[in-house]
């Protein structure tokens, strides 16, 4: 449904959730050194805090929409859109 959840890997309890991306057709998340990265079908890339899920940044990639999980390579984030 577009809610991003973070769970404690030792206890299974919820650490945080970000519910402000509902109905955006999110990709699978990818870990970046500074943020958790998700993209959406509207063409936006969202950077969320690892600690509490708040928005750190958002950038626009392409109006055709992102269709795959972002790829992180060092400090770079790559996304694949419908228009290639």
N, C-alpha and C. Protein backbone atom coordinates (compact mmCIF):
# COMPACT_ATOMS: atom_id res chain seq x y z
N UNK A 1 0.80 -1.21 0.00
CA UNK A 1 0.00 0.00 0.00
C UNK A 1 0.84 1.27 0.00
N UNK A 2 2.16 1.14 -0.02
CA UNK A 2 3.02 2.31 -0.07
C UNK A 2 3.56 2.76 1.27
N UNK A 3 3.32 2.02 2.32
CA UNK A 3 3.91 2.35 3.61
C UNK A 3 5.26 1.66 3.72
N UNK A 4 6.28 2.41 4.11
CA UNK A 4 7.62 1.85 4.29
C UNK A 4 7.80 1.57 5.77
N UNK A 5 8.17 0.33 6.09
CA UNK A 5 8.34 -0.11 7.47
C UNK A 5 9.80 -0.47 7.72
N UNK A 6 10.29 -0.18 8.92
CA UNK A 6 11.61 -0.62 9.36
C UNK A 6 11.43 -1.46 10.61
N UNK A 7 12.00 -2.66 10.59
CA UNK A 7 11.86 -3.58 11.71
C UNK A 7 13.22 -3.82 12.36
N UNK A 8 13.21 -4.07 13.65
CA UNK A 8 14.41 -4.46 14.37
C UNK A 8 14.70 -5.91 14.01
N UNK A 9 15.89 -6.18 13.49
CA UNK A 9 16.20 -7.54 13.03
C UNK A 9 16.38 -8.53 14.17
N UNK A 10 16.60 -8.05 15.38
CA UNK A 10 16.78 -8.95 16.52
C UNK A 10 15.46 -9.28 17.20
N UNK A 11 14.57 -8.30 17.34
CA UNK A 11 13.32 -8.51 18.07
C UNK A 11 12.09 -8.63 17.18
N UNK A 12 12.20 -8.12 15.94
CA UNK A 12 11.05 -8.13 15.04
C UNK A 12 10.07 -7.00 15.29
N UNK A 13 10.38 -6.13 16.22
CA UNK A 13 9.48 -5.01 16.51
C UNK A 13 9.66 -3.90 15.48
N UNK A 14 8.61 -3.11 15.34
CA UNK A 14 8.65 -1.99 14.40
C UNK A 14 9.51 -0.87 14.97
N UNK A 15 10.50 -0.45 14.19
CA UNK A 15 11.35 0.68 14.57
C UNK A 15 10.68 2.00 14.17
N UNK A 16 10.16 2.03 12.93
CA UNK A 16 9.45 3.21 12.43
C UNK A 16 8.67 2.82 11.20
N UNK A 17 7.74 3.70 10.81
CA UNK A 17 7.04 3.54 9.53
C UNK A 17 6.82 4.91 8.91
N UNK A 18 6.85 4.94 7.59
CA UNK A 18 6.61 6.17 6.84
C UNK A 18 5.38 5.90 5.97
N UNK A 19 4.28 6.55 6.31
CA UNK A 19 3.01 6.30 5.62
C UNK A 19 2.64 7.39 4.62
N UNK A 20 3.50 8.34 4.38
CA UNK A 20 3.18 9.46 3.48
C UNK A 20 3.47 9.19 2.01
N UNK A 21 3.68 7.93 1.66
CA UNK A 21 3.94 7.58 0.26
C UNK A 21 2.88 6.61 -0.26
N UNK A 22 1.74 6.59 0.37
CA UNK A 22 0.66 5.69 -0.04
C UNK A 22 0.21 5.97 -1.46
N UNK A 23 -0.12 4.88 -2.16
CA UNK A 23 -0.67 4.92 -3.52
C UNK A 23 0.30 5.53 -4.54
N UNK A 24 1.59 5.44 -4.27
CA UNK A 24 2.58 5.99 -5.21
C UNK A 24 3.29 4.90 -6.00
N UNK A 25 2.93 3.65 -5.79
CA UNK A 25 3.55 2.56 -6.53
C UNK A 25 5.04 2.47 -6.28
N UNK A 26 5.41 2.25 -5.03
CA UNK A 26 6.82 2.29 -4.64
C UNK A 26 7.62 1.10 -5.14
N UNK A 27 8.89 1.36 -5.38
CA UNK A 27 9.85 0.30 -5.67
C UNK A 27 10.24 -0.38 -4.37
N UNK A 28 11.01 -1.44 -4.49
CA UNK A 28 11.64 -2.01 -3.31
C UNK A 28 12.67 -1.00 -2.81
N UNK A 29 12.94 -0.98 -1.51
CA UNK A 29 13.92 -0.03 -0.99
C UNK A 29 15.35 -0.48 -1.26
N UNK A 30 16.25 0.47 -1.23
CA UNK A 30 17.68 0.19 -1.37
C UNK A 30 18.41 1.01 -0.32
N UNK A 31 19.42 0.41 0.29
CA UNK A 31 20.19 1.11 1.32
C UNK A 31 21.31 1.92 0.69
N UNK A 32 21.40 3.15 1.09
CA UNK A 32 22.47 4.07 0.73
C UNK A 32 23.17 4.41 2.05
N UNK A 33 24.40 4.81 1.99
CA UNK A 33 25.14 5.13 3.21
C UNK A 33 24.43 6.18 4.06
N UNK A 34 23.74 7.10 3.40
CA UNK A 34 23.12 8.21 4.13
C UNK A 34 21.61 8.11 4.24
N UNK A 35 20.97 7.18 3.52
CA UNK A 35 19.51 7.13 3.51
C UNK A 35 19.00 5.80 2.98
N UNK A 36 17.73 5.56 3.22
CA UNK A 36 17.01 4.47 2.57
C UNK A 36 16.36 5.09 1.34
N UNK A 37 16.54 4.47 0.18
CA UNK A 37 16.07 5.05 -1.08
C UNK A 37 14.93 4.23 -1.64
N UNK A 38 13.81 4.91 -1.98
CA UNK A 38 12.70 4.28 -2.70
C UNK A 38 12.31 5.20 -3.84
N UNK A 39 11.80 4.61 -4.90
CA UNK A 39 11.34 5.40 -6.05
C UNK A 39 9.87 5.08 -6.29
N UNK A 40 9.20 5.91 -7.11
CA UNK A 40 7.78 5.67 -7.33
C UNK A 40 7.37 5.77 -8.79
N UNK A 41 6.14 5.36 -9.05
CA UNK A 41 5.62 5.32 -10.42
C UNK A 41 5.39 6.72 -10.99
N UNK A 42 5.47 7.75 -10.17
CA UNK A 42 5.32 9.13 -10.64
C UNK A 42 6.65 9.74 -11.05
N UNK A 43 7.74 8.99 -10.84
CA UNK A 43 9.06 9.45 -11.26
C UNK A 43 9.90 10.11 -10.19
N UNK A 44 9.49 10.02 -8.94
CA UNK A 44 10.24 10.64 -7.84
C UNK A 44 11.12 9.61 -7.14
N UNK A 45 12.24 10.08 -6.62
CA UNK A 45 13.13 9.28 -5.79
C UNK A 45 13.11 9.91 -4.40
N UNK A 46 12.82 9.09 -3.40
CA UNK A 46 12.68 9.56 -2.03
C UNK A 46 13.82 9.01 -1.18
N UNK A 47 14.40 9.88 -0.36
CA UNK A 47 15.48 9.50 0.54
C UNK A 47 14.97 9.63 1.96
N UNK A 48 14.94 8.52 2.69
CA UNK A 48 14.39 8.47 4.04
C UNK A 48 15.50 8.22 5.06
N UNK A 49 15.35 8.80 6.23
CA UNK A 49 16.30 8.61 7.32
C UNK A 49 16.30 7.16 7.77
N UNK A 50 17.48 6.59 7.97
CA UNK A 50 17.59 5.24 8.52
C UNK A 50 17.08 5.20 9.96
N UNK A 51 17.24 6.29 10.68
CA UNK A 51 16.91 6.31 12.11
C UNK A 51 15.40 6.35 12.39
N UNK A 52 14.66 7.22 11.66
CA UNK A 52 13.24 7.36 12.01
C UNK A 52 12.31 7.47 10.80
N UNK A 53 12.83 7.34 9.60
CA UNK A 53 11.99 7.33 8.40
C UNK A 53 11.55 8.69 7.88
N UNK A 54 12.00 9.78 8.50
CA UNK A 54 11.58 11.09 8.00
C UNK A 54 12.25 11.37 6.65
N UNK A 55 11.64 12.24 5.87
CA UNK A 55 12.16 12.58 4.55
C UNK A 55 13.43 13.43 4.68
N UNK A 56 14.48 12.97 4.04
CA UNK A 56 15.73 13.74 3.98
C UNK A 56 15.79 14.55 2.70
N UNK A 57 15.29 13.95 1.62
CA UNK A 57 15.32 14.62 0.32
C UNK A 57 14.37 13.91 -0.64
N UNK A 58 14.07 14.59 -1.72
CA UNK A 58 13.26 14.03 -2.80
C UNK A 58 13.72 14.68 -4.09
N UNK A 59 13.85 13.89 -5.13
CA UNK A 59 14.24 14.42 -6.42
C UNK A 59 13.38 13.79 -7.50
N UNK A 60 13.26 14.49 -8.60
CA UNK A 60 12.43 14.04 -9.71
C UNK A 60 13.33 13.45 -10.78
N UNK A 61 13.01 12.23 -11.23
CA UNK A 61 13.82 11.56 -12.24
C UNK A 61 13.21 11.69 -13.63
N UNK A 62 11.93 11.34 -13.76
CA UNK A 62 11.32 11.27 -15.09
C UNK A 62 9.82 11.10 -14.94
N UNK A 63 9.05 11.79 -15.76
CA UNK A 63 7.59 11.73 -15.64
C UNK A 63 7.01 10.38 -16.04
N UNK A 64 7.79 9.55 -16.73
CA UNK A 64 7.28 8.24 -17.14
C UNK A 64 7.21 7.26 -15.96
N UNK A 65 7.90 7.56 -14.89
CA UNK A 65 7.85 6.73 -13.68
C UNK A 65 8.98 5.74 -13.59
N UNK A 66 9.38 5.48 -12.38
CA UNK A 66 10.44 4.51 -12.10
C UNK A 66 9.81 3.13 -12.02
N UNK A 67 10.44 2.14 -12.66
CA UNK A 67 9.83 0.80 -12.73
C UNK A 67 10.66 -0.30 -12.09
N UNK A 68 11.76 0.04 -11.45
CA UNK A 68 12.60 -0.98 -10.82
C UNK A 68 13.22 -0.42 -9.54
N UNK A 69 13.71 -1.31 -8.73
CA UNK A 69 14.39 -0.92 -7.50
C UNK A 69 15.61 -0.07 -7.84
N UNK A 70 15.82 1.02 -7.11
CA UNK A 70 17.03 1.82 -7.34
C UNK A 70 18.29 0.98 -7.11
N UNK A 71 19.35 1.38 -7.78
CA UNK A 71 20.65 0.73 -7.61
C UNK A 71 21.60 1.76 -7.02
N UNK A 72 22.26 1.40 -5.94
CA UNK A 72 23.22 2.29 -5.29
C UNK A 72 24.62 1.79 -5.59
N UNK A 73 25.46 2.70 -6.07
CA UNK A 73 26.86 2.41 -6.35
C UNK A 73 27.68 3.53 -5.73
N UNK A 74 28.20 3.29 -4.55
CA UNK A 74 28.92 4.34 -3.82
C UNK A 74 27.97 5.45 -3.44
N UNK A 75 28.25 6.66 -3.88
CA UNK A 75 27.38 7.81 -3.59
C UNK A 75 26.33 8.03 -4.67
N UNK A 76 26.34 7.23 -5.71
CA UNK A 76 25.40 7.41 -6.82
C UNK A 76 24.20 6.48 -6.69
N UNK A 77 23.05 7.02 -7.12
CA UNK A 77 21.81 6.23 -7.16
C UNK A 77 21.32 6.22 -8.59
N UNK A 78 21.09 5.03 -9.13
CA UNK A 78 20.59 4.86 -10.49
C UNK A 78 19.17 4.35 -10.44
N UNK A 79 18.32 4.86 -11.33
CA UNK A 79 16.95 4.36 -11.44
C UNK A 79 16.64 4.07 -12.90
N UNK A 80 15.74 3.13 -13.10
CA UNK A 80 15.30 2.76 -14.45
C UNK A 80 13.85 3.22 -14.60
N UNK A 81 13.59 4.03 -15.61
CA UNK A 81 12.25 4.56 -15.82
C UNK A 81 11.60 3.92 -17.05
N UNK A 82 10.31 4.13 -17.18
CA UNK A 82 9.58 3.57 -18.32
C UNK A 82 10.13 4.07 -19.66
N UNK A 83 10.68 5.26 -19.67
CA UNK A 83 11.23 5.80 -20.91
C UNK A 83 12.70 5.44 -21.12
N UNK A 84 13.23 4.63 -20.21
CA UNK A 84 14.61 4.16 -20.35
C UNK A 84 15.61 5.10 -19.78
